[in-house]
Amino acid sequence: MNTHFIMLMEDNRLFDIIDARVKERCQNEEVILVANLARRCLNLNGKNRPTMREVTLELERIIGLSQKELNIQENCKISKNIMEGASNDWDASKNIMDDAVSTPITGDFDKHHNMLI
């Protein structure tokens, strides 16, 4: 099983064995980072394997990257919504101004204007 996993990674076919639920829920980068960590853990020479502390730190780093990505995506969605709202407000204001400019001035305006002169 270990050899099969390593061979698939070397052939860039890691996603052939990844569960569909993992593919749906995780970013490809996260899967690759965890797979690389797992590969290091499978090293036949125990001295070349990461310690449990190193594994923990690496997994925490991957989770942190994932959380930052989620925060960035959420901030982008919020910014997009704000920009779309501002654009809609601008369009509405522009339409009001266009209507005001294109509305002909009635004779009443001339009558009132002449009274002031």
Protein backbone atom coordinates (compact mmCIF):
# COMPACT_ATOMS: atom_id res chain seq x y z
CA MET A 1 0.00 0.00 0.00
CA ASN A 2 2.82 2.41 0.88
CA THR A 3 4.62 1.67 -2.36
CA HIS A 4 1.44 2.18 -4.37
CA PHE A 5 0.84 5.57 -2.71
CA ILE A 6 4.41 6.72 -3.35
CA MET A 7 4.32 5.54 -6.97
CA LEU A 8 1.08 7.41 -7.63
CA MET A 9 2.55 10.56 -6.13
CA GLU A 10 5.66 10.24 -8.30
CA ASP A 11 3.43 9.81 -11.38
CA ASN A 12 1.33 12.88 -10.39
CA ARG A 13 -1.71 10.63 -10.01
CA LEU A 14 -2.43 11.29 -6.35
CA PHE A 15 -6.03 12.30 -7.05
CA ASP A 16 -6.73 8.86 -8.52
CA ILE A 17 -6.86 7.46 -4.99
CA ILE A 18 -8.31 10.42 -3.08
CA ASP A 19 -11.84 9.90 -1.76
CA ALA A 20 -14.53 11.96 -3.51
CA ARG A 21 -15.55 13.60 -0.22
CA VAL A 22 -12.01 14.87 0.28
CA LYS A 23 -11.97 16.22 -3.27
CA GLU A 24 -15.25 18.07 -2.61
CA ARG A 25 -14.29 19.55 0.75
CA CYS A 26 -10.61 20.34 0.36
CA GLN A 27 -8.50 22.50 -1.89
CA ASN A 28 -6.08 20.57 -4.12
CA GLU A 29 -3.17 22.39 -2.47
CA GLU A 30 -4.24 21.11 0.96
CA VAL A 31 -4.48 17.54 -0.29
CA ILE A 32 -1.03 17.76 -1.85
CA LEU A 33 0.51 19.24 1.31
CA VAL A 34 -0.98 16.50 3.50
CA ALA A 35 0.05 13.81 1.00
CA ASN A 36 3.63 15.11 0.99
CA LEU A 37 3.63 14.98 4.77
CA ALA A 38 2.27 11.42 4.70
CA ARG A 39 4.97 10.47 2.21
CA ARG A 40 7.65 11.79 4.57
CA CYS A 41 6.08 9.72 7.36
CA LEU A 42 6.43 6.58 5.20
CA ASN A 43 10.18 6.92 4.84
CA LEU A 44 11.75 3.52 5.55
CA ASN A 45 14.57 5.15 7.47
CA GLY A 46 13.06 6.24 10.77
CA LYS A 47 15.66 8.97 11.20
CA ASN A 48 14.33 10.65 8.05
CA ARG A 49 10.71 10.60 9.22
CA PRO A 50 9.25 13.72 10.85
CA THR A 51 8.68 13.65 14.58
CA MET A 52 5.12 13.77 15.90
CA ARG A 53 5.79 17.39 16.87
CA GLU A 54 6.85 18.21 13.31
CA VAL A 55 3.73 16.45 11.96
CA THR A 56 1.53 18.42 14.34
CA LEU A 57 3.15 21.72 13.40
CA GLU A 58 2.84 20.97 9.69
CA LEU A 59 -0.84 20.01 10.01
CA GLU A 60 -1.52 23.17 12.02
CA ARG A 61 0.22 25.21 9.32
CA ILE A 62 -1.92 23.58 6.61
CA ILE A 63 -5.08 24.26 8.62
CA GLY A 64 -3.94 27.86 9.11
CA LEU A 65 -3.41 28.28 5.37
CA SER A 66 -6.84 26.83 4.76
CA GLN A 67 -8.44 29.26 7.23
CA LYS A 68 -6.64 32.22 5.63
CA GLU A 69 -7.91 31.12 2.22
CA LEU A 70 -11.47 30.92 3.56
CA ASN A 71 -11.12 34.39 5.12
CA ILE A 72 -9.75 35.82 1.88
CA GLN A 73 -12.60 34.27 -0.11
CA GLU A 74 -15.17 35.63 2.37
CA ASN A 75 -13.60 39.11 2.26
CA CYS A 76 -13.66 39.02 -1.54
CA LYS A 77 -17.36 38.10 -1.52
CA ILE A 78 -18.13 40.95 0.88
CA SER A 79 -16.10 43.43 -1.19
CA LYS A 80 -17.81 42.27 -4.36
CA ASN A 81 -21.25 42.73 -2.77
CA ILE A 82 -20.31 46.21 -1.57
CA MET A 83 -18.98 47.16 -5.00
CA GLU A 84 -22.09 45.79 -6.72
CA GLY A 85 -24.29 47.75 -4.31
CA ALA A 86 -22.31 50.93 -4.94
CA SER A 87 -22.53 50.33 -8.67
CA ASN A 88 -26.30 49.87 -8.42
CA ASP A 89 -26.59 53.07 -6.36
CA TRP A 90 -24.51 54.90 -8.95
CA ASP A 91 -26.69 53.59 -11.78
CA ALA A 92 -29.85 54.67 -9.95
CA SER A 93 -28.42 58.14 -9.25
CA LYS A 94 -27.27 58.48 -12.85
CA ASN A 95 -30.73 57.52 -14.13
CA ILE A 96 -32.35 60.14 -11.88
CA MET A 97 -29.92 62.79 -13.10
CA ASP A 98 -30.42 61.76 -16.73
CA ASP A 99 -34.18 62.02 -16.29
CA ALA A 100 -33.85 65.43 -14.66
CA VAL A 101 -31.63 66.78 -17.41
CA SER A 102 -33.81 65.42 -20.21
CA THR A 103 -37.08 66.74 -18.73
CA PRO A 104 -38.14 69.88 -20.60
CA ILE A 105 -38.58 73.08 -18.62
CA THR A 106 -42.23 74.13 -18.51
CA GLY A 107 -43.67 77.58 -19.08
CA ASP A 108 -44.26 77.96 -15.36
CA PHE A 109 -40.53 78.20 -14.83
CA ASP A 110 -40.32 81.06 -17.32
CA LYS A 111 -43.24 82.83 -15.58
CA HIS A 112 -41.56 82.56 -12.15
CA HIS A 113 -38.18 83.50 -13.59
CA ASN A 114 -39.63 86.64 -15.19
CA MET A 115 -41.15 87.66 -11.83
CA LEU A 116 -37.73 87.59 -10.24
CA ILE A 117 -36.18 89.77 -12.96
